[in-house]
Protein backbone atom coordinates (compact mmCIF):
# COMPACT_ATOMS: atom_id res chain seq x y z
CA MET A 1 135.09 145.83 112.79
CA THR A 2 133.68 142.66 111.25
CA LYS A 3 130.15 143.02 109.95
CA GLN A 4 127.46 141.00 111.66
CA MET A 5 127.21 137.58 110.07
CA LYS A 6 124.03 136.03 108.79
CA LEU A 7 123.36 132.50 110.02
CA LEU A 8 120.98 129.85 108.77
CA ALA A 9 120.75 126.31 110.08
CA PHE A 10 121.06 123.87 107.18
CA ASP A 11 118.78 120.86 107.50
CA PHE A 12 116.75 118.22 105.73
CA ASN A 13 113.33 116.73 106.54
CA GLY A 14 114.67 113.22 106.94
CA PRO A 15 116.82 111.24 109.39
CA SER A 16 120.14 111.98 107.69
CA HIS A 17 121.44 114.61 105.31
CA LEU A 18 125.07 115.13 104.27
CA SER A 19 127.09 113.14 106.79
CA ALA A 20 127.52 109.39 106.29
CA GLY A 21 126.95 106.96 109.14
CA LEU A 22 126.57 109.65 111.81
CA TRP A 23 122.92 108.76 112.40
CA ARG A 24 124.36 106.02 114.61
CA HIS A 25 125.76 108.51 117.12
CA GLU A 26 124.08 108.38 120.52
CA ARG A 27 123.17 112.09 120.43
CA ASP A 28 121.71 112.02 116.93
CA ARG A 29 117.95 112.67 116.83
CA GLY A 30 117.38 112.08 113.15
CA SER A 31 114.76 109.43 113.81
CA GLU A 32 112.56 112.18 115.26
CA TYR A 33 112.17 113.90 111.90
CA THR A 34 108.49 112.84 111.75
CA ASN A 35 107.78 114.43 115.15
CA ILE A 36 106.51 117.98 114.68
CA GLN A 37 107.28 118.90 118.30
CA THR A 38 110.97 118.18 117.69
CA TRP A 39 111.01 120.66 114.82
CA ILE A 40 109.09 123.24 116.86
CA ASP A 41 111.55 122.95 119.73
CA TYR A 42 114.45 123.23 117.28
CA ALA A 43 112.99 126.38 115.70
CA LYS A 44 112.49 127.98 119.11
CA MET A 45 116.09 127.18 120.02
CA LEU A 46 117.36 128.79 116.80
CA GLU A 47 115.28 131.91 117.38
CA ALA A 48 116.56 132.21 120.95
CA ALA A 49 120.07 132.17 119.44
CA CYS A 50 119.09 134.90 116.91
CA PHE A 51 119.65 132.78 113.79
CA ASP A 52 118.29 134.43 110.65
CA GLY A 53 116.51 131.26 109.68
CA MET A 54 116.41 127.60 108.85
CA PHE A 55 117.23 126.43 105.37
CA PHE A 56 115.81 123.12 104.16
CA ALA A 57 117.46 121.16 101.40
CA ASP A 58 115.21 118.78 99.47
CA ASN A 59 115.49 116.23 96.71
CA ASP A 60 112.78 115.14 94.30
CA GLY A 61 114.62 111.89 93.67
CA TYR A 62 116.95 109.52 95.47
CA HIS A 63 120.51 108.31 95.17
CA GLU A 64 120.59 105.17 93.04
CA LYS A 65 123.91 105.34 91.17
CA TYR A 66 126.14 103.52 93.66
CA HIS A 67 126.29 99.84 92.59
CA GLY A 68 123.39 100.76 90.28
CA SER A 69 120.93 100.60 93.15
CA VAL A 70 119.21 102.66 95.82
CA ASP A 71 120.21 100.03 98.41
CA GLY A 72 123.29 101.88 99.66
CA ALA A 73 121.33 105.07 100.16
CA LEU A 74 118.57 103.24 102.01
CA ARG A 75 121.02 101.48 104.32
CA ASP A 76 122.64 104.74 105.39
CA ALA A 77 119.48 106.90 105.19
CA ALA A 78 121.36 108.96 102.59
CA GLN A 79 118.66 111.62 102.09
CA ILE A 80 116.03 108.89 102.13
CA PRO A 81 113.52 108.55 103.70
CA SER A 82 112.48 112.18 103.36
CA ASN A 83 109.36 114.28 103.73
CA ASP A 84 108.32 117.57 102.17
CA PRO A 85 109.83 120.36 104.33
CA ALA A 86 107.19 122.94 103.38
CA PHE A 87 104.64 121.33 105.68
CA LEU A 88 106.86 121.99 108.71
CA VAL A 89 106.84 125.75 108.23
CA PRO A 90 103.37 126.71 109.53
CA ALA A 91 103.92 124.87 112.82
CA MET A 92 107.41 126.31 113.34
CA ALA A 93 106.27 129.77 112.29
CA ALA A 94 103.41 129.67 114.79
CA ALA A 95 105.90 128.93 117.57
CA THR A 96 108.30 131.74 116.62
CA ARG A 97 108.12 135.43 115.67
CA HIS A 98 111.28 136.22 113.73
CA LEU A 99 112.94 133.04 112.46
CA GLY A 100 112.88 132.66 108.68
CA PHE A 101 112.42 129.48 106.63
CA GLY A 102 114.06 128.70 103.31
CA ILE A 103 112.46 125.88 101.34
CA THR A 104 114.04 124.10 98.38
CA THR A 105 111.62 123.63 95.49
CA SER A 106 112.55 122.48 92.00
CA THR A 107 111.66 124.14 88.72
CA ALA A 108 111.67 120.79 86.94
CA TYR A 109 108.41 119.03 87.75
CA THR A 110 105.87 121.47 89.21
CA PRO A 111 104.25 124.31 87.24
CA PRO A 112 105.42 127.81 88.24
CA TYR A 113 101.83 128.78 89.05
CA ALA A 114 101.62 126.07 91.73
CA VAL A 115 105.01 127.00 93.20
CA ALA A 116 104.10 130.69 93.36
CA ARG A 117 100.83 129.83 95.11
CA LYS A 118 102.59 127.57 97.62
CA PHE A 119 105.06 130.25 98.61
CA ALA A 120 102.42 132.97 98.75
CA THR A 121 100.48 130.77 101.15
CA LEU A 122 103.53 130.11 103.31
CA ASP A 123 104.46 133.78 103.29
CA HIS A 124 101.00 134.69 104.56
CA LEU A 125 101.03 132.02 107.27
CA SER A 126 104.52 132.96 108.46
CA ASP A 127 103.96 136.74 108.34
CA GLY A 128 106.57 137.13 105.63
CA ARG A 129 109.29 134.75 106.74
CA VAL A 130 109.81 132.37 103.82
CA GLY A 131 112.36 132.01 101.07
CA TRP A 132 112.50 129.84 97.97
CA ASN A 133 115.70 127.98 97.12
CA VAL A 134 115.55 127.52 93.36
CA VAL A 135 116.97 124.20 92.14
CA THR A 136 116.72 122.56 88.74
CA SER A 137 116.91 118.88 89.83
CA TYR A 138 119.70 116.58 88.73
CA SER A 139 118.28 113.18 89.63
CA ASP A 140 117.41 110.56 87.00
CA SER A 141 115.04 108.94 89.49
CA ALA A 142 113.12 112.20 89.80
CA ALA A 143 112.92 112.48 86.01
CA ARG A 144 111.45 108.97 85.84
CA ASN A 145 109.01 109.31 88.70
CA LEU A 146 107.92 112.93 88.30
CA GLY A 147 108.75 113.86 84.72
CA ASN A 148 108.69 112.23 81.32
CA GLY A 149 111.60 109.93 82.09
CA THR A 150 114.26 112.09 80.44
CA GLN A 151 116.34 114.68 82.24
CA LEU A 152 117.04 117.94 80.44
CA ALA A 153 120.66 118.87 79.72
CA HIS A 154 122.32 121.00 82.38
CA ASP A 155 122.19 124.39 80.64
CA GLU A 156 118.68 123.78 79.32
CA ARG A 157 117.51 123.16 82.89
CA TYR A 158 118.82 126.59 83.85
CA GLU A 159 117.23 128.21 80.81
CA ARG A 160 113.91 126.71 81.87
CA ALA A 161 114.48 127.84 85.46
CA ASP A 162 115.07 131.41 84.29
CA GLU A 163 111.67 131.52 82.60
CA PHE A 164 110.11 129.70 85.56
CA ILE A 165 111.29 132.40 87.96
CA ASP A 166 110.08 135.09 85.57
CA VAL A 167 106.58 133.60 85.58
CA THR A 168 106.47 133.44 89.38
CA LEU A 169 107.62 137.07 89.64
CA LYS A 170 104.89 138.17 87.23
CA LEU A 171 102.36 136.33 89.40
CA THR A 172 103.53 137.50 92.83
CA GLU A 173 104.45 141.06 91.83
CA GLY A 174 102.41 141.84 88.74
CA SER A 175 98.96 140.32 89.03
CA TRP A 176 97.51 142.11 92.07
CA ASP A 177 97.83 145.76 93.05
CA ASP A 178 98.93 146.33 96.63
CA ASP A 179 95.45 147.59 97.50
CA ALA A 180 93.40 145.11 95.44
CA VAL A 181 91.72 143.70 98.56
CA VAL A 182 89.25 146.41 99.60
CA ARG A 183 86.72 144.48 101.73
CA ASP A 184 84.02 147.00 100.89
CA ARG A 185 80.89 145.74 102.68
CA GLU A 186 78.64 148.52 101.43
CA ASN A 187 79.29 147.66 97.78
CA CYS A 188 79.68 143.93 98.39
CA THR A 189 83.19 143.95 96.96
CA TYR A 190 85.95 141.98 98.63
CA VAL A 191 88.47 142.38 95.78
CA ASP A 192 88.35 145.24 93.29
CA PRO A 193 88.46 143.50 89.86
CA ALA A 194 90.10 146.56 88.30
CA ARG A 195 93.12 146.00 90.53
CA VAL A 196 93.75 142.39 89.50
CA HIS A 197 95.48 141.76 86.18
CA GLU A 198 96.25 138.88 83.84
CA ILE A 199 99.99 138.38 83.43
CA GLY A 200 99.76 137.27 79.78
CA HIS A 201 102.92 135.18 79.83
CA GLN A 202 103.76 133.25 76.69
CA GLY A 203 107.27 131.81 76.55
CA LYS A 204 109.32 128.90 75.29
CA HIS A 205 108.54 126.63 78.24
CA PHE A 206 105.39 128.06 79.85
CA SER A 207 102.09 129.63 78.89
CA VAL A 208 100.42 131.40 81.82
CA PRO A 209 97.87 133.93 80.56
CA GLY A 210 95.64 134.52 83.58
CA ILE A 211 95.53 136.14 86.99
CA PHE A 212 97.06 134.88 90.23
CA THR A 213 94.74 133.40 92.87
CA ALA A 214 96.69 134.58 95.93
CA GLU A 215 96.49 138.12 97.23
CA PRO A 216 99.81 139.88 97.96
CA SER A 217 101.63 138.45 100.97
CA PRO A 218 103.85 140.44 103.37
CA GLN A 219 106.93 139.98 101.16
CA ARG A 220 104.91 139.52 97.94
CA THR A 221 107.80 137.41 96.59
CA PRO A 222 109.66 134.95 98.83
CA VAL A 223 113.36 135.62 99.29
CA ILE A 224 114.99 133.95 96.29
CA PHE A 225 117.90 131.66 97.10
CA GLN A 226 120.13 129.88 94.62
CA ALA A 227 123.12 127.56 94.95
CA GLY A 228 124.31 126.63 91.46
CA GLY A 229 128.08 126.82 90.99
CA SER A 230 128.26 126.21 87.24
CA PRO A 231 128.50 129.13 84.77
CA ALA A 232 124.79 128.76 84.04
CA GLY A 233 124.00 128.68 87.75
CA VAL A 234 126.11 131.75 88.47
CA ALA A 235 124.43 133.65 85.63
CA LEU A 236 120.97 132.81 86.96
CA ALA A 237 121.98 133.76 90.51
CA ALA A 238 123.46 137.08 89.40
CA LYS A 239 120.21 137.88 87.60
CA THR A 240 117.57 136.71 90.08
CA ALA A 241 118.96 135.53 93.43
CA GLU A 242 118.87 137.52 96.65
CA ALA A 243 120.96 135.03 98.60
CA VAL A 244 123.46 132.54 97.20
CA PHE A 245 124.85 129.49 98.95
CA MET A 246 128.42 128.53 98.17
CA ASN A 247 130.45 125.59 99.41
CA SER A 248 134.06 126.24 98.51
CA MET A 249 136.57 124.19 100.46
CA SER A 250 139.13 127.04 100.53
CA LYS A 251 139.00 130.76 101.30
CA SER A 252 140.91 131.66 98.15
CA GLY A 253 138.53 129.63 96.01
CA LEU A 254 135.51 131.15 97.76
CA LYS A 255 136.77 134.70 97.25
CA LYS A 256 137.06 134.05 93.51
CA GLN A 257 133.48 132.78 93.43
CA VAL A 258 132.16 135.72 95.43
CA ASP A 259 134.01 138.26 93.27
CA ALA A 260 132.79 136.61 90.07
CA LEU A 261 129.17 136.57 91.26
CA ARG A 262 129.21 140.18 92.36
CA ALA A 263 130.90 141.29 89.13
CA LYS A 264 128.24 139.49 87.08
CA ALA A 265 125.46 141.07 89.15
CA ALA A 266 126.93 144.54 88.56
CA GLU A 267 127.19 143.78 84.85
CA LEU A 268 123.45 143.05 84.87
CA GLY A 269 122.67 146.36 86.57
CA ARG A 270 122.18 145.09 90.11
CA ASP A 271 123.86 146.33 93.27
CA PRO A 272 126.27 143.45 94.06
CA HIS A 273 125.48 143.81 97.75
CA HIS A 274 121.82 143.15 97.16
CA ILE A 275 122.90 139.51 96.96
CA ALA A 276 123.87 137.97 100.30
CA VAL A 277 126.49 135.23 99.99
CA LEU A 278 126.41 132.40 102.52
CA GLN A 279 129.12 129.75 102.76
CA MET A 280 128.15 126.25 103.82
CA ILE A 281 130.09 125.23 106.93
CA THR A 282 130.03 122.34 109.38
CA VAL A 283 131.03 123.18 112.95
CA ILE A 284 131.98 120.66 115.62
CA SER A 285 132.10 122.66 118.85
CA ALA A 286 132.45 122.09 122.57
CA PRO A 287 133.52 124.13 125.63
CA THR A 288 137.22 123.60 124.76
CA ASP A 289 139.34 122.79 121.72
CA GLU A 290 140.34 119.46 123.28
CA GLU A 291 136.76 118.36 123.85
CA ALA A 292 135.81 119.38 120.32
CA GLN A 293 138.69 117.38 118.84
CA ARG A 294 137.66 114.30 120.83
CA LYS A 295 134.12 114.72 119.55
CA TYR A 296 135.38 115.05 115.99
CA GLN A 297 137.37 111.82 116.29
CA GLU A 298 134.23 110.06 117.52
CA TYR A 299 132.48 111.26 114.40
CA LEU A 300 135.29 110.12 112.08
CA ASP A 301 135.10 106.64 113.59
CA LEU A 302 131.44 106.43 112.55
CA VAL A 303 131.82 107.58 108.93
CA SER A 304 130.45 105.02 106.48
CA TYR A 305 132.43 104.65 103.23
CA ASP A 306 129.43 103.14 101.41
CA GLY A 307 127.12 105.87 102.75
CA ALA A 308 129.51 108.58 101.59
CA MET A 309 129.85 106.99 98.17
CA ALA A 310 126.09 106.53 97.81
CA ARG A 311 125.70 110.27 98.29
CA TYR A 312 128.63 111.24 96.09
CA SER A 313 127.50 108.89 93.33
CA GLY A 314 124.08 110.53 93.39
CA TRP A 315 125.49 114.06 93.37
CA THR A 316 127.83 113.40 90.45
CA GLY A 317 125.80 110.89 88.43
CA LEU A 318 128.72 108.46 88.60
CA ASP A 319 128.72 104.95 90.04
CA MET A 320 131.71 105.23 92.37
CA SER A 321 131.68 101.47 92.93
CA GLN A 322 133.42 101.09 89.56
CA PHE A 323 136.55 102.80 90.92
CA ASP A 324 139.17 101.25 93.19
CA PRO A 325 138.81 103.04 96.54
CA ASP A 326 142.55 103.64 96.75
CA LYS A 327 143.43 104.58 93.18
CA PRO A 328 143.32 108.21 91.97
CA PHE A 329 139.94 109.28 90.64
CA GLU A 330 140.19 111.37 87.48
CA ASP A 331 137.79 114.26 86.89
CA VAL A 332 135.02 113.63 84.38
CA LYS A 333 132.12 115.64 82.97
CA THR A 334 128.62 114.71 84.06
CA ASN A 335 125.09 115.94 83.37
CA ALA A 336 124.22 115.63 87.05
CA GLY A 337 126.24 117.55 89.62
CA GLN A 338 129.25 119.08 87.86
CA THR A 339 129.88 121.26 90.90
CA MET A 340 130.29 118.16 93.04
CA VAL A 341 132.76 116.64 90.61
CA ASP A 342 134.87 119.78 90.46
CA VAL A 343 134.95 120.62 94.15
CA TYR A 344 137.83 118.33 95.11
CA THR A 345 140.08 119.15 92.18
CA LYS A 346 139.57 122.82 93.02
CA LEU A 347 140.34 122.16 96.69
CA ASP A 348 143.76 120.74 95.91
CA PRO A 349 144.55 120.73 92.15
CA GLY A 350 147.89 119.04 92.72
CA LYS A 351 146.45 116.10 94.59
CA LYS A 352 145.32 112.90 92.89
CA TRP A 353 142.12 112.24 94.76
CA THR A 354 141.03 108.67 95.47
CA PRO A 355 137.47 107.64 96.28
CA ARG A 356 138.56 106.91 99.86
CA ASP A 357 139.99 110.42 100.18
CA ILE A 358 136.69 111.82 98.95
CA ALA A 359 134.70 109.65 101.38
CA LEU A 360 136.74 110.91 104.34
CA GLU A 361 136.34 114.50 103.17
CA ASN A 362 132.59 114.38 102.60
CA GLY A 363 131.72 111.83 105.27
CA ILE A 364 131.24 114.69 107.72
CA GLY A 365 129.33 117.67 106.39
CA GLY A 366 129.36 116.68 102.74
CA THR A 367 131.45 119.08 100.66
CA SER A 368 131.54 121.83 103.27
CA PRO A 369 134.66 122.82 105.24
CA VAL A 370 134.66 121.51 108.81
CA ILE A 371 135.67 123.74 111.73
CA VAL A 372 136.51 121.96 114.98
CA GLY A 373 137.13 123.79 118.25
CA GLY A 374 135.96 125.67 121.29
CA PRO A 375 134.08 128.98 121.10
CA GLU A 376 137.11 131.23 120.52
CA THR A 377 138.68 128.98 117.89
CA VAL A 378 135.46 128.64 115.93
CA ALA A 379 134.66 132.35 116.16
CA ASP A 380 138.17 133.24 114.97
CA GLU A 381 137.82 130.97 111.96
CA LEU A 382 134.31 132.09 111.01
CA ILE A 383 135.31 135.74 111.16
CA SER A 384 138.41 134.95 109.11
CA TRP A 385 136.29 133.37 106.38
CA MET A 386 134.14 136.50 106.25
CA ASP A 387 137.01 138.98 106.31
CA GLU A 388 139.07 137.18 103.69
CA THR A 389 136.32 136.30 101.21
CA GLY A 390 133.64 139.01 101.43
CA ILE A 391 130.81 136.62 102.29
CA ASP A 392 127.87 137.72 104.44
CA GLY A 393 127.47 134.65 106.62
CA PHE A 394 127.04 130.91 106.81
CA ASN A 395 124.68 128.05 106.17
CA VAL A 396 125.53 125.91 109.20
CA ALA A 397 125.37 122.16 108.51
CA HIS A 398 125.61 119.36 111.03
CA ALA A 399 127.11 115.92 111.38
CA VAL A 400 124.90 114.79 114.27
CA LYS A 401 121.34 115.95 113.66
CA PHE A 402 120.03 118.70 115.95
CA ALA A 403 122.92 118.21 118.43
CA ASP A 404 125.69 119.97 116.50
CA VAL A 405 123.70 123.10 115.73
CA GLU A 406 122.43 123.20 119.29
CA ASP A 407 126.06 123.00 120.47
CA PHE A 408 126.89 125.84 118.08
CA ALA A 409 124.10 127.94 119.62
CA THR A 410 125.26 127.06 123.13
CA TYR A 411 129.02 127.55 122.77
CA VAL A 412 129.77 129.66 119.70
CA VAL A 413 126.89 132.12 119.40
CA PRO A 414 127.59 133.86 122.74
CA GLU A 415 131.23 134.36 121.70
CA LEU A 416 130.19 135.81 118.34
CA GLN A 417 127.72 138.12 120.08
CA ARG A 418 130.37 139.20 122.60
CA ARG A 419 132.58 140.26 119.69
CA GLY A 420 129.77 142.13 117.93
CA ALA A 421 129.89 139.66 115.03
CA MET A 422 126.30 138.51 115.50
CA ARG A 423 123.05 140.19 116.50
CA THR A 424 121.67 139.90 120.03
CA ALA A 425 118.09 140.82 119.04
CA TYR A 426 116.02 140.97 115.87
CA ASP A 427 115.33 144.37 114.34
CA GLY A 428 112.99 143.35 111.50
CA ASN A 429 109.95 141.18 110.96
CA THR A 430 110.42 139.38 107.63
CA LEU A 431 113.09 137.03 106.33
CA ARG A 432 114.18 139.66 103.79
CA GLU A 433 114.59 142.14 106.66
CA ASN A 434 116.59 139.58 108.64
CA ILE A 435 119.02 139.40 105.74
CA PHE A 436 119.04 143.00 104.46
CA GLY A 437 117.86 145.07 107.41
CA PRO A 438 114.61 146.66 108.60
CA GLY A 439 112.53 148.37 105.96
CA ASN A 440 113.57 145.92 103.24
CA ALA A 441 110.58 143.57 103.25
CA ARG A 442 110.12 143.77 99.48
CA LEU A 443 112.35 143.20 96.46
CA PHE A 444 115.02 145.82 95.86
CA ALA A 445 114.27 148.19 92.99
CA ASP A 446 117.14 146.78 90.92
CA HIS A 447 115.77 143.23 91.05
CA PRO A 448 114.07 142.22 87.77
CA GLY A 449 110.92 141.27 89.65
CA ALA A 450 110.48 144.84 90.88
CA ALA A 451 109.63 145.92 87.34
CA TYR A 452 106.42 143.86 87.58
CA HIS A 453 105.30 145.28 90.93
CA ARG A 454 101.74 146.59 91.03
CA ALA A 455 101.64 149.40 93.57
CA THR A 456 98.62 151.07 95.16
CA THR A 457 96.07 152.44 92.69
CA ILE A 458 93.35 155.08 92.83
CA ALA A 459 90.24 153.61 94.42
CA SER A 460 87.67 152.39 91.91
CA VAL A 461 85.04 151.44 94.46
CA SER A 462 83.63 153.24 97.46
CA PRO A 463 86.42 154.81 99.56
CA GLU A 464 84.54 153.82 102.70
CA VAL A 465 86.18 150.44 103.11
CA VAL A 466 86.88 148.18 106.03
CA PRO A 467 90.60 148.52 106.93
CA ALA A 468 92.70 145.50 106.01
């Protein structure tokens, strides 16, 4: 029997994310991204469908490589405009009880102390339902506007991210004992000072000597997500990630990635199954295969070549306007998104890809595979991806904002539940429990952060305390 799949809705706090030109579709609601009620309603819909959570991509910069300008991205709303997704979480969490929220936050431009404090706050306000997607930032515009103007080399960014994560783990796991908050009215002691500790971190990139300001949250550490596909990214994921997003265009390619990640995790002393692997997927669904195919053709007719190239240029660091749309595009090395450059040559190594081919491929759903069909067809294909690759579930992207995932919940989820391939009710309270099962609200013992954990200590103030 197929294991129950994990499902997150992949989104972006802006009018348009991965698909090019689809904001023009009559059902698209991307223009409502500034309306908090729209997000609340969306979260409630996802929870009713028993999704594990929502996952928000984010970008500190903007796409400005195509024609050497941001104009193409602006015209197609190619991940711009955009707002900070973290501010959506408290409102959506207040309207739901179980749905989790993954937030992308870069290690490039914000100190680890501030990131740890942000996620501790969100974990408190959501009752333990947040995750942190660790990215290293690839955008030159972000480096100019948020950094010192110079982007670090690819592997150096990951080296810095490794230390960044280590600092946050020391803060969230190692600064406060579980029982540091005593609320002892008789002795006028809210926090026992003996149970709060300086972390004393001194490294190559960061110096963080002091204590953390946030008391332990329900998960203490947010669920750590990672999506890097390069050797450096895989190494970091195997060491620190609890969930990894992959976006292979083929099952055979995905299986190789999954096997390599799990082997690396085992090499580092971790249980390979303490890392959940989620494949990015775009699903175009309807009551029947025929209706879904008609919908898909509508979408194809709306794809914008310039919008697709604005995105792809930003992801790869290449100005795709310099290439003839209909002449084969040769693979090159880039300091920006090497994964995005490699994805098409890996999809079909024997094919000479042209920019137009790439635009048609990523115009709907970016670099994710696209499944088109009625409930049975989609369910068959999703289960096949799981059975043949060893993944744990999917990060479900959309072409038409809000509508496609709502269609997935309406048509596909009941079929998956009928087959026992998806839960019909939640059995845990935190995001980590959604992913790994009830009783797993904290880091597994084989995670490097668990070594920093400060457990309950012997009381050093009056034992007559007010219960937390």
